[in-house]
Protein backbone atom coordinates (compact mmCIF):
# COMPACT_ATOMS: atom_id res chain seq x y z
CA UNK A 1 0.16 -0.10 -0.24
CA UNK A 2 2.57 2.43 0.86
CA UNK A 3 4.49 1.23 -2.66
CA UNK A 4 1.56 2.22 -4.34
CA UNK A 5 1.03 5.76 -2.54
CA UNK A 6 4.88 6.23 -3.15
CA UNK A 7 4.14 5.65 -6.48
CA UNK A 8 1.38 7.73 -7.27
CA UNK A 9 2.62 10.71 -5.79
CA UNK A 10 5.79 10.38 -7.56
CA UNK A 11 3.68 10.26 -11.30
CA UNK A 12 1.91 13.23 -9.53
CA UNK A 13 4.87 14.68 -9.33
CA UNK A 14 5.99 14.36 -13.03
CA UNK A 15 2.64 15.15 -14.15
CA UNK A 16 2.69 18.39 -11.93
CA UNK A 17 6.01 19.57 -13.61
CA UNK A 18 4.45 18.41 -16.65
CA UNK A 19 1.58 20.79 -16.96
CA UNK A 20 3.22 23.85 -15.24
CA UNK A 21 6.84 23.06 -16.93
CA UNK A 22 8.73 22.85 -13.67
CA UNK A 23 9.09 26.74 -13.33
CA UNK A 24 10.77 26.75 -16.97
CA UNK A 25 9.71 30.04 -19.05
CA UNK A 26 8.77 27.69 -21.76
CA UNK A 27 5.73 25.65 -23.27
CA UNK A 28 7.86 22.59 -23.83
CA UNK A 29 6.98 19.28 -22.09
CA UNK A 30 9.50 17.11 -22.12
CA UNK A 31 12.41 16.20 -25.17
CA UNK A 32 12.25 13.34 -26.91
CA UNK A 33 15.98 12.50 -28.93
CA UNK A 34 16.58 10.77 -32.33
CA UNK A 35 19.95 9.70 -33.59
CA UNK A 36 23.35 8.92 -34.17
CA UNK A 37 26.85 9.09 -32.32
CA UNK A 38 26.41 12.69 -31.96
CA UNK A 39 23.47 12.09 -30.06
CA UNK A 40 23.93 8.95 -28.24
CA UNK A 41 24.36 9.65 -24.64
CA UNK A 42 24.76 5.71 -23.36
CA UNK A 43 22.49 3.22 -25.27
CA UNK A 44 25.04 1.98 -27.01
CA UNK A 45 26.53 0.59 -23.18
CA UNK A 46 23.78 -1.93 -23.55
CA UNK A 47 24.05 -3.44 -27.32
CA UNK A 48 26.88 -5.67 -28.85
CA UNK A 49 28.62 -2.84 -30.89
CA UNK A 50 31.94 -1.81 -31.49
CA UNK A 51 30.79 2.04 -31.48
CA UNK A 52 31.62 2.69 -28.09
CA UNK A 53 31.93 5.61 -25.33
CA UNK A 54 32.26 4.21 -22.19
CA UNK A 55 35.65 3.79 -21.00
CA UNK A 56 38.43 6.48 -20.45
CA UNK A 57 39.25 9.39 -21.23
CA UNK A 58 35.98 9.87 -23.17
CA UNK A 59 33.73 12.10 -21.02
CA UNK A 60 36.87 13.33 -19.20
CA UNK A 61 35.18 16.92 -19.20
CA UNK A 62 31.77 15.10 -18.30
CA UNK A 63 33.45 13.95 -14.95
CA UNK A 64 33.19 10.17 -16.40
CA UNK A 65 32.64 8.15 -19.45
CA UNK A 66 28.77 7.93 -19.85
CA UNK A 67 28.61 6.56 -23.55
CA UNK A 68 28.59 10.28 -24.79
CA UNK A 69 31.21 10.58 -27.98
CA UNK A 70 32.69 13.50 -27.09
CA UNK A 71 34.71 14.97 -23.54
CA UNK A 72 31.75 16.70 -22.04
CA UNK A 73 28.14 17.31 -22.77
CA UNK A 74 26.74 16.55 -26.54
CA UNK A 75 24.59 19.57 -28.06
CA UNK A 76 21.34 18.43 -26.95
CA UNK A 77 22.43 17.68 -23.42
CA UNK A 78 23.46 21.71 -23.48
CA UNK A 79 19.72 22.69 -25.15
CA UNK A 80 18.09 20.75 -22.57
CA UNK A 81 19.66 22.82 -20.24
CA UNK A 82 18.82 26.21 -22.00
CA UNK A 83 15.16 24.92 -21.79
CA UNK A 84 15.29 24.81 -17.72
CA UNK A 85 15.89 20.77 -17.50
CA UNK A 86 17.03 19.95 -14.54
CA UNK A 87 18.39 16.31 -15.70
CA UNK A 88 20.34 15.20 -18.57
CA UNK A 89 17.06 12.90 -20.83
CA UNK A 90 18.50 9.75 -20.19
CA UNK A 91 19.39 6.83 -22.98
CA UNK A 92 16.33 4.54 -23.27
CA UNK A 93 17.71 1.24 -22.99
CA UNK A 94 19.06 2.63 -19.28
CA UNK A 95 17.15 0.29 -16.52
CA UNK A 96 16.23 3.55 -14.95
CA UNK A 97 14.66 4.86 -17.97
CA UNK A 98 11.07 3.76 -16.31
CA UNK A 99 8.47 5.07 -14.90
CA UNK A 100 8.13 8.86 -14.24
CA UNK A 101 11.58 9.82 -15.24
CA UNK A 102 9.63 9.14 -19.34
CA UNK A 103 7.69 11.97 -18.81
CA UNK A 104 10.45 14.78 -18.89
CA UNK A 105 11.46 12.70 -22.21
CA UNK A 106 14.06 10.28 -23.51
CA UNK A 107 16.90 9.86 -25.54
CA UNK A 108 16.75 7.23 -28.21
CA UNK A 109 20.17 8.00 -30.40
CA UNK A 110 22.52 5.50 -31.00
CA UNK A 111 26.42 5.13 -32.22
CA UNK A 112 26.09 4.22 -36.22
CA UNK A 113 22.90 4.53 -36.32
CA UNK A 114 21.61 5.40 -39.58
CA UNK A 115 18.02 6.43 -41.91
CA UNK A 116 18.43 2.93 -43.81
CA UNK A 117 18.80 -0.24 -41.37
CA UNK A 118 21.78 -1.31 -43.46
CA UNK A 119 24.30 1.43 -42.13
CA UNK A 120 26.69 0.78 -39.67
CA UNK A 121 27.00 -2.96 -40.19
CA UNK A 122 30.73 -2.10 -40.10
CA UNK A 123 30.28 -1.48 -36.28
CA UNK A 124 27.88 -5.11 -35.77
CA UNK A 125 25.54 -3.88 -33.57
CA UNK A 126 23.04 0.02 -34.01
CA UNK A 127 19.83 0.71 -33.50
CA UNK A 128 18.68 1.99 -36.74
CA UNK A 129 15.94 5.07 -37.32
CA UNK A 130 13.28 2.29 -37.54
CA UNK A 131 14.32 0.63 -34.47
CA UNK A 132 14.34 3.80 -32.33
CA UNK A 133 10.95 5.04 -33.61
CA UNK A 134 10.11 1.38 -32.81
CA UNK A 135 11.08 1.86 -29.23
CA UNK A 136 9.44 5.27 -28.76
CA UNK A 137 6.52 3.70 -29.14
CA UNK A 138 7.41 1.73 -26.09
CA UNK A 139 7.63 4.84 -23.95
CA UNK A 140 4.05 6.09 -25.54
CA UNK A 141 2.68 3.57 -24.73
CA UNK A 142 4.05 3.18 -21.15
CA UNK A 143 2.75 7.33 -20.88
CA UNK A 144 -0.35 6.62 -21.92
CA UNK A 145 -0.50 4.00 -19.26
CA UNK A 146 0.58 6.25 -16.79
CA UNK A 147 -0.88 9.39 -17.66
CA UNK A 148 -3.88 8.97 -19.98
CA UNK A 149 -4.68 9.60 -23.33
CA UNK A 150 -5.31 13.11 -22.95
CA UNK A 151 -3.01 14.47 -20.93
CA UNK A 152 -0.63 11.95 -23.12
CA UNK A 153 -1.45 13.60 -26.00
CA UNK A 154 -1.46 16.86 -24.67
CA UNK A 155 3.14 16.04 -23.86
CA UNK A 156 3.73 14.86 -26.78
CA UNK A 157 1.82 17.62 -28.87
CA UNK A 158 4.23 20.13 -26.63
CA UNK A 159 7.29 18.38 -26.62
CA UNK A 160 10.73 18.97 -28.40
CA UNK A 161 11.63 16.03 -30.64
CA UNK A 162 15.31 16.03 -31.72
CA UNK A 163 16.43 14.23 -35.02
CA UNK A 164 20.24 14.01 -36.23
CA UNK A 165 20.09 11.52 -38.53
CA UNK A 166 22.51 11.11 -42.09
CA UNK A 167 25.57 11.30 -41.74
CA UNK A 168 26.27 7.55 -41.22
CA UNK A 169 24.45 6.99 -44.53
CA UNK A 170 27.71 8.10 -46.08
CA UNK A 171 30.13 7.55 -43.55
CA UNK A 172 29.31 4.48 -42.75
CA UNK A 173 27.80 2.79 -45.71
CA UNK A 174 27.79 4.88 -49.12
CA UNK A 175 31.64 6.21 -48.54
CA UNK A 176 32.95 2.86 -47.32
CA UNK A 177 35.26 0.83 -50.10
CA UNK A 178 33.28 -2.44 -49.04
CA UNK A 179 29.65 -1.27 -49.17
CA UNK A 180 27.90 -3.64 -51.02
CA UNK A 181 27.61 -4.26 -54.83
CA UNK A 182 23.93 -2.84 -54.89
CA UNK A 183 25.27 0.19 -53.05
CA UNK A 184 28.59 0.59 -55.39
CA UNK A 185 26.21 0.65 -58.35
CA UNK A 186 23.68 3.40 -56.88
CA UNK A 187 24.69 6.69 -58.16
CA UNK A 188 24.95 9.57 -55.55
CA UNK A 189 21.60 10.95 -56.71
CA UNK A 190 19.73 7.88 -56.29
CA UNK A 191 21.03 7.28 -52.97
CA UNK A 192 20.17 10.49 -51.55
CA UNK A 193 16.48 9.67 -52.79
CA UNK A 194 16.66 6.99 -51.35
CA UNK A 195 17.68 8.62 -48.01
CA UNK A 196 14.99 11.11 -47.92
CA UNK A 197 12.06 9.25 -49.08
CA UNK A 198 12.99 6.47 -46.70
CA UNK A 199 13.87 9.75 -43.61
CA UNK A 200 10.05 11.11 -44.85
CA UNK A 201 8.13 7.86 -43.90
CA UNK A 202 10.02 8.51 -40.73
CA UNK A 203 9.40 11.36 -39.85
CA UNK A 204 5.79 10.76 -41.28
CA UNK A 205 5.65 7.90 -38.67
CA UNK A 206 6.80 9.83 -35.60
CA UNK A 207 4.21 12.84 -36.25
CA UNK A 208 1.55 9.98 -36.84
CA UNK A 209 2.54 9.07 -32.90
CA UNK A 210 2.29 12.37 -31.66
CA UNK A 211 5.37 15.17 -32.07
CA UNK A 212 4.30 18.39 -33.48
CA UNK A 213 7.40 20.48 -32.61
CA UNK A 214 10.19 18.56 -34.46
CA UNK A 215 13.70 19.86 -35.22
CA UNK A 216 15.83 17.90 -37.50
CA UNK A 217 19.22 18.76 -38.31
CA UNK A 218 21.14 18.46 -41.63
CA UNK A 219 24.65 16.60 -41.91
CA UNK A 220 27.72 18.17 -41.03
CA UNK A 221 30.25 18.59 -43.57
CA UNK A 222 31.63 15.35 -42.82
CA UNK A 223 34.75 15.92 -45.36
CA UNK A 224 36.17 18.26 -42.82
CA UNK A 225 36.51 15.73 -40.00
CA UNK A 226 39.65 14.56 -38.97
CA UNK A 227 39.01 10.73 -40.08
CA UNK A 228 38.00 11.71 -43.87
CA UNK A 229 40.87 14.45 -44.50
CA UNK A 230 43.56 11.49 -43.54
CA UNK A 231 41.62 9.01 -44.93
CA UNK A 232 42.18 11.13 -48.63
CA UNK A 233 45.95 13.05 -48.22
CA UNK A 234 45.15 14.23 -51.83
CA UNK A 235 42.74 16.93 -50.77
CA UNK A 236 45.75 18.45 -48.40
CA UNK A 237 44.73 20.98 -45.89
CA UNK A 238 41.56 21.33 -47.92
CA UNK A 239 38.20 19.61 -46.59
CA UNK A 240 37.35 16.14 -48.95
CA UNK A 241 35.27 18.52 -51.29
CA UNK A 242 33.49 15.58 -53.29
CA UNK A 243 31.94 14.25 -49.58
CA UNK A 244 30.70 17.59 -48.94
CA UNK A 245 29.18 18.10 -52.38
CA UNK A 246 26.66 15.08 -51.88
CA UNK A 247 26.49 16.53 -47.93
CA UNK A 248 25.06 19.35 -49.38
CA UNK A 249 22.63 17.42 -52.37
CA UNK A 250 20.97 15.46 -49.20
CA UNK A 251 20.64 18.84 -47.15
CA UNK A 252 19.15 20.68 -50.33
CA UNK A 253 16.63 17.79 -50.34
CA UNK A 254 16.20 17.68 -46.33
CA UNK A 255 15.37 21.21 -46.42
CA UNK A 256 12.68 20.94 -48.90
CA UNK A 257 10.98 18.03 -47.39
CA UNK A 258 10.46 19.50 -44.35
CA UNK A 259 8.93 22.12 -45.42
CA UNK A 260 6.65 20.48 -47.33
CA UNK A 261 5.96 18.57 -43.82
CA UNK A 262 4.86 21.40 -42.40
CA UNK A 263 2.80 22.30 -45.17
CA UNK A 264 0.51 19.28 -45.33
CA UNK A 265 0.61 17.86 -41.63
CA UNK A 266 -2.20 19.74 -40.03
CA UNK A 267 -0.24 21.63 -36.21
CA UNK A 268 3.01 20.46 -36.88
CA UNK A 269 5.98 22.72 -37.47
CA UNK A 270 9.21 21.25 -38.76
CA UNK A 271 12.13 22.93 -38.07
CA UNK A 272 15.40 22.76 -40.21
CA UNK A 273 18.43 23.16 -38.47
CA UNK A 274 21.91 24.23 -40.39
CA UNK A 275 24.76 22.08 -38.80
CA UNK A 276 26.59 22.24 -41.90
CA UNK A 277 26.29 25.84 -42.11
CA UNK A 278 26.65 26.33 -38.32
CA UNK A 279 29.86 23.52 -38.48
CA UNK A 280 31.40 25.50 -41.37
CA UNK A 281 31.38 28.30 -40.31
CA UNK A 282 33.07 27.27 -36.76
CA UNK A 283 35.90 26.09 -38.89
CA UNK A 284 36.30 28.84 -41.23
CA UNK A 285 36.66 30.89 -38.80
CA UNK A 286 38.17 28.60 -36.07
CA UNK A 287 40.76 31.77 -34.42
CA UNK A 288 37.90 34.05 -33.70
CA UNK A 289 35.94 31.28 -31.19
CA UNK A 290 39.44 30.95 -29.71
CA UNK A 291 40.56 27.43 -31.09
CA UNK A 292 44.00 26.87 -31.80
CA UNK A 293 43.12 23.90 -34.54
CA UNK A 294 40.55 23.15 -36.53
CA UNK A 295 40.91 19.75 -37.75
CA UNK A 296 43.67 18.15 -35.44
CA UNK A 297 41.86 15.25 -33.06
CA UNK A 298 42.46 16.21 -29.64
CA UNK A 299 42.04 12.22 -28.66
CA UNK A 300 43.42 10.32 -32.18
CA UNK A 301 46.32 8.61 -33.37
CA UNK A 302 47.78 8.48 -36.46
CA UNK A 303 48.12 10.58 -39.93
CA UNK A 304 48.42 14.21 -40.25
CA UNK A 305 45.09 14.79 -38.58
CA UNK A 306 45.57 12.31 -35.88
CA UNK A 307 42.29 10.82 -37.52
CA UNK A 308 43.21 7.32 -38.09
CA UNK A 309 43.12 5.77 -35.14
CA UNK A 310 39.80 6.06 -32.81
CA UNK A 311 40.03 7.36 -29.18
CA UNK A 312 41.22 4.37 -27.47
CA UNK A 313 40.93 3.21 -23.86
CA UNK A 314 43.33 5.43 -21.62
CA UNK A 315 44.97 7.36 -24.89
CA UNK A 316 46.63 10.23 -24.46
CA UNK A 317 44.65 13.70 -24.88
CA UNK A 318 45.20 17.07 -25.57
CA UNK A 319 45.71 19.19 -22.11
CA UNK A 320 43.34 21.98 -23.02
CA UNK A 321 39.87 20.36 -24.95
CA UNK A 322 38.22 23.51 -25.16
CA UNK A 323 41.32 24.69 -27.94
CA UNK A 324 40.31 22.22 -30.24
CA UNK A 325 37.12 22.00 -32.84
CA UNK A 326 37.44 17.91 -32.87
CA UNK A 327 37.25 16.18 -29.84
CA UNK A 328 38.08 12.79 -32.11
CA UNK A 329 38.96 11.54 -35.34
CA UNK A 330 34.40 12.21 -36.11
CA UNK A 331 33.10 14.00 -32.94
CA UNK A 332 33.59 17.69 -31.88
CA UNK A 333 34.72 18.81 -28.80
CA UNK A 334 32.35 20.04 -25.52
CA UNK A 335 33.31 23.64 -26.43
CA UNK A 336 32.00 23.25 -30.25
CA UNK A 337 28.93 22.22 -29.02
CA UNK A 338 28.09 24.90 -26.50
CA UNK A 339 29.01 27.00 -29.77
CA UNK A 340 26.27 25.04 -31.95
CA UNK A 341 23.85 24.97 -29.74
CA UNK A 342 23.48 28.28 -28.84
CA UNK A 343 23.12 29.44 -32.61
CA UNK A 344 20.37 26.14 -32.31
CA UNK A 345 18.70 28.25 -29.31
CA UNK A 346 18.67 31.64 -30.83
CA UNK A 347 20.12 31.58 -34.24
CA UNK A 348 18.91 33.50 -37.37
CA UNK A 349 16.99 32.06 -39.97
CA UNK A 350 20.32 31.04 -41.97
CA UNK A 351 21.33 28.46 -39.34
CA UNK A 352 17.87 27.47 -38.50
CA UNK A 353 14.79 28.34 -40.33
CA UNK A 354 11.71 28.88 -39.85
CA UNK A 355 12.27 29.35 -36.36
CA UNK A 356 14.33 29.15 -33.68
CA UNK A 357 14.31 26.51 -30.92
CA UNK A 358 13.88 29.64 -28.31
CA UNK A 359 11.14 30.95 -30.47
CA UNK A 360 9.25 27.37 -30.90
CA UNK A 361 9.81 26.53 -27.16
CA UNK A 362 7.26 30.14 -26.96
CA UNK A 363 4.56 28.34 -29.36
């Protein structure tokens, strides 16, 4: 009886937090996050995968390794704090992500995950976008059981949904030298078309499960990361042009898709986050942001940019991470993430359109 009373009290407190936004000066009830290693906060800790970030020195500035693929907080950790959330949105697969905690949101992101189910097979285990949507469906059922349909519909309609997918579909699929024969024979235009059509159905599925405020990030300039630059030394000090060109083609189609979805799906707001532009501007103006290097991995080994060998357990790291744009051969440092998060929250229409997250949170 006492346990049931405590459970009911806890649910009531979480529901009160939902209805009052816990003194947050916005209308965001919860945050649900879908994505790859850029957003993963520990889901891959619970699956058999070669894509892991649960060892030192990863998380060196977070206080401990957690499964975040950076030295500190992710972009969405920082955005959550900016929106007034007192806890970091927890990973779906953590055994503690149950009960009232899910009413503030859940993170489904997985390192090596992609839009296409076959993406990331080189890392063995990963959670694709389709599988992440399935997991969200399970969370949605739990929310419905916990607070009822009316309150659940309101919570989801006022929640922020963040999706950052697509980079692995290029890096760990289309650009792989050992990609399947089918992929090798596919033209860039057809491959991008497949990504967009698949992603369209996935975003529609998310909408049909109650999402209304949805931000979707473009793919960053992956040809500028230390790994890709070291794998293509002929590019010299410049970014790998053909990779960035294909990414921009995809991003252009993604932006048009989001405009179409907003126009056709009643009550929806799909927001395009131009991470490509934001990241490119950081790289081009890195000294203005206080960085000393724009393309050298703080934790990595071999190659001109230390981009060949990933950040391994007990690896040596740079003494001052705030001076590096890149933490490892693929991922940004927390300092870079702070800059990106600020521009997602308050950026102009060149960074994020049609509105920024600050404005979206007031709707």
